[in-house]
Amino acid sequence: MSGFEPRNPAYAQRVQSSFDRQQVMKLLGAKLARLAPGECDIELPFKAELTQQHGYFHAGVSGTIADSACGYAAYTLMPADSSVLTVEFKMNLLAPADGEILVARARVLRSGRTLKICVADVFVQKNGTEIHCATMLATIMCLPGKSDRAG
């Protein structure tokens, strides 16, 4: 448990609605697997189209789900009238993402009024074992008074 209190009691519905509008998550086949105040997990099943030349999940795919997991972990703590945007991130690749399911588990480390500092650990599951393959550190910005919808 994170110890954070959401500023919007309907955070889970808002995050799920936003996630459902992310076309890149649909394209990849990712799903929102777990959500709690200051936490978010995103899972992605293996598809050959998501691999690099060795047949591992591509690092860009790992980065994409880690970034979204960080953003949504932060979004759970933002006011109802706000939107979310990544300011920066750094990702360390620790092992090849060779497996059947890629999972990004993000949590908020510090929740300021405007900036949220988040970390996402990315794991690959293979034959019932999890391998820690990447870690991302991200800065996420709260955009007060901005709609989370395009347009």
Protein backbone atom coordinates (compact mmCIF):
# COMPACT_ATOMS: atom_id res chain seq x y z
CA MET A 1 0.00 0.00 0.00
CA SER A 2 1.28 3.44 -0.99
CA GLY A 3 -0.03 5.54 1.89
CA PHE A 4 -1.29 8.19 -0.56
CA GLU A 5 -4.84 9.52 -0.48
CA PRO A 6 -6.50 10.22 -3.85
CA ARG A 7 -7.78 13.79 -4.34
CA ASN A 8 -10.58 12.44 -6.53
CA PRO A 9 -12.65 9.60 -5.05
CA ALA A 10 -13.58 8.52 -8.61
CA TYR A 11 -9.89 8.16 -9.61
CA ALA A 12 -10.25 4.52 -10.77
CA GLN A 13 -13.03 5.31 -13.26
CA ARG A 14 -11.18 8.37 -14.53
CA VAL A 15 -7.93 6.46 -15.05
CA GLN A 16 -9.68 3.55 -16.77
CA SER A 17 -11.53 5.95 -19.08
CA SER A 18 -8.30 7.73 -19.99
CA PHE A 19 -6.47 4.43 -20.51
CA ASP A 20 -9.28 3.22 -22.80
CA ARG A 21 -8.75 6.31 -25.00
CA GLN A 22 -5.00 5.69 -25.41
CA GLN A 23 -4.76 4.33 -28.92
CA VAL A 24 -1.15 3.19 -28.43
CA MET A 25 -2.26 0.87 -25.60
CA LYS A 26 -4.91 -0.62 -27.91
CA LEU A 27 -2.36 -0.99 -30.70
CA LEU A 28 0.05 -2.83 -28.40
CA GLY A 29 -2.67 -4.93 -26.74
CA ALA A 30 -1.87 -3.67 -23.22
CA LYS A 31 -4.32 -3.77 -20.33
CA LEU A 32 -4.63 -1.91 -17.06
CA ALA A 33 -4.02 -4.78 -14.64
CA ARG A 34 -4.04 -3.09 -11.21
CA LEU A 35 -4.77 0.35 -9.83
CA ALA A 36 -4.50 1.84 -6.33
CA PRO A 37 -3.78 5.36 -5.05
CA GLY A 38 -0.26 6.15 -6.28
CA GLU A 39 0.14 2.79 -8.04
CA CYS A 40 -0.56 1.31 -11.47
CA ASP A 41 0.32 -1.96 -13.23
CA ILE A 42 0.06 -2.46 -16.98
CA GLU A 43 0.38 -5.89 -18.62
CA LEU A 44 1.17 -6.75 -22.20
CA PRO A 45 1.03 -10.25 -23.71
CA PHE A 46 3.75 -11.33 -26.14
CA LYS A 47 3.21 -10.68 -29.86
CA ALA A 48 5.94 -11.17 -32.45
CA GLU A 49 5.16 -7.67 -33.79
CA LEU A 50 6.46 -6.18 -30.50
CA THR A 51 9.92 -7.73 -30.68
CA GLN A 52 13.37 -6.68 -31.75
CA GLN A 53 15.75 -8.75 -33.89
CA HIS A 54 16.50 -11.34 -31.16
CA GLY A 55 12.83 -12.03 -30.48
CA TYR A 56 12.71 -10.15 -27.14
CA PHE A 57 10.14 -7.46 -26.36
CA HIS A 58 11.58 -4.26 -27.85
CA ALA A 59 12.95 -1.77 -25.30
CA GLY A 60 10.67 0.89 -26.78
CA VAL A 61 7.67 -1.25 -25.89
CA SER A 62 8.97 -1.66 -22.32
CA GLY A 63 9.42 2.11 -22.14
CA THR A 64 5.94 2.78 -23.51
CA ILE A 65 4.11 0.71 -20.90
CA ALA A 66 6.42 1.94 -18.10
CA ASP A 67 5.72 5.57 -19.06
CA SER A 68 1.96 5.01 -19.10
CA ALA A 69 2.08 3.11 -15.80
CA CYS A 70 3.97 6.01 -14.19
CA GLY A 71 1.55 8.55 -15.64
CA TYR A 72 -1.50 6.68 -14.40
CA ALA A 73 0.02 6.04 -10.95
CA ALA A 74 0.47 9.82 -10.71
CA TYR A 75 -2.99 10.52 -12.19
CA THR A 76 -4.65 8.58 -9.33
CA LEU A 77 -3.49 11.38 -7.01
CA MET A 78 -4.54 14.37 -9.11
CA PRO A 79 -7.66 16.53 -8.73
CA ALA A 80 -10.75 15.73 -10.82
CA ASP A 81 -10.35 18.85 -12.99
CA SER A 82 -6.80 18.05 -14.12
CA SER A 83 -4.90 16.13 -16.75
CA VAL A 84 -1.54 14.38 -16.78
CA LEU A 85 1.61 14.71 -18.90
CA THR A 86 5.09 13.19 -18.72
CA VAL A 87 7.86 15.77 -18.32
CA GLU A 88 10.85 13.43 -18.47
CA PHE A 89 11.98 9.88 -17.86
CA LYS A 90 15.10 7.76 -17.73
CA MET A 91 15.08 4.01 -18.16
CA ASN A 92 17.76 1.48 -17.31
CA LEU A 93 17.61 -1.84 -19.13
CA LEU A 94 18.64 -4.62 -16.77
CA ALA A 95 18.02 -7.84 -18.72
CA PRO A 96 16.53 -8.92 -22.05
CA ALA A 97 12.71 -8.87 -21.98
CA ASP A 98 12.44 -12.49 -23.13
CA GLY A 99 9.10 -13.93 -22.09
CA GLU A 100 5.36 -14.31 -22.49
CA ILE A 101 4.02 -11.28 -20.60
CA LEU A 102 5.58 -7.87 -20.00
CA VAL A 103 4.47 -6.09 -16.81
CA ALA A 104 5.17 -2.50 -15.72
CA ARG A 105 4.55 -1.84 -12.02
CA ALA A 106 4.63 1.86 -11.22
CA ARG A 107 4.38 3.76 -7.97
CA VAL A 108 4.61 7.39 -6.93
CA LEU A 109 7.66 8.16 -4.82
CA ARG A 110 6.82 11.82 -4.17
CA SER A 111 3.57 13.61 -4.86
CA GLY A 112 3.91 17.36 -5.13
CA ARG A 113 1.13 19.74 -6.17
CA THR A 114 2.48 20.04 -9.74
CA LEU A 115 5.11 17.33 -10.15
CA LYS A 116 4.95 13.66 -9.21
CA ILE A 117 8.13 11.56 -9.13
CA CYS A 118 7.44 7.96 -10.08
CA VAL A 119 9.31 4.72 -10.58
CA ALA A 120 8.26 1.77 -12.73
CA ASP A 121 9.85 -1.64 -12.57
CA VAL A 122 9.35 -3.71 -15.69
CA PHE A 123 9.27 -7.49 -15.45
CA VAL A 124 8.94 -10.21 -18.03
CA GLN A 125 7.17 -13.43 -17.10
CA LYS A 126 8.45 -16.67 -18.60
CA ASN A 127 7.60 -20.22 -17.58
CA GLY A 128 6.10 -19.01 -14.27
CA THR A 129 9.17 -16.92 -13.35
CA GLU A 130 9.51 -13.14 -13.30
CA ILE A 131 12.68 -11.42 -14.47
CA HIS A 132 13.29 -7.75 -13.64
CA CYS A 133 14.28 -6.33 -17.03
CA ALA A 134 14.04 -2.52 -16.67
CA THR A 135 13.50 0.36 -14.25
CA MET A 136 12.19 3.80 -15.18
CA LEU A 137 12.33 6.99 -13.14
CA ALA A 138 9.79 9.54 -14.37
CA THR A 139 8.62 13.06 -13.63
CA ILE A 140 4.92 13.52 -14.27
CA MET A 141 3.13 16.89 -14.38
CA CYS A 142 -0.36 17.72 -13.19
CA LEU A 143 -2.14 20.09 -15.59
CA PRO A 144 -4.89 21.76 -13.50
CA GLY A 145 -8.03 22.83 -15.32
CA LYS A 146 -7.06 20.91 -18.49
CA SER A 147 -9.29 18.22 -19.92
CA ASP A 148 -7.90 14.72 -20.32
CA ARG A 149 -9.58 14.46 -23.73
CA ALA A 150 -8.12 15.39 -27.11
CA GLY A 151 -9.45 18.42 -28.82
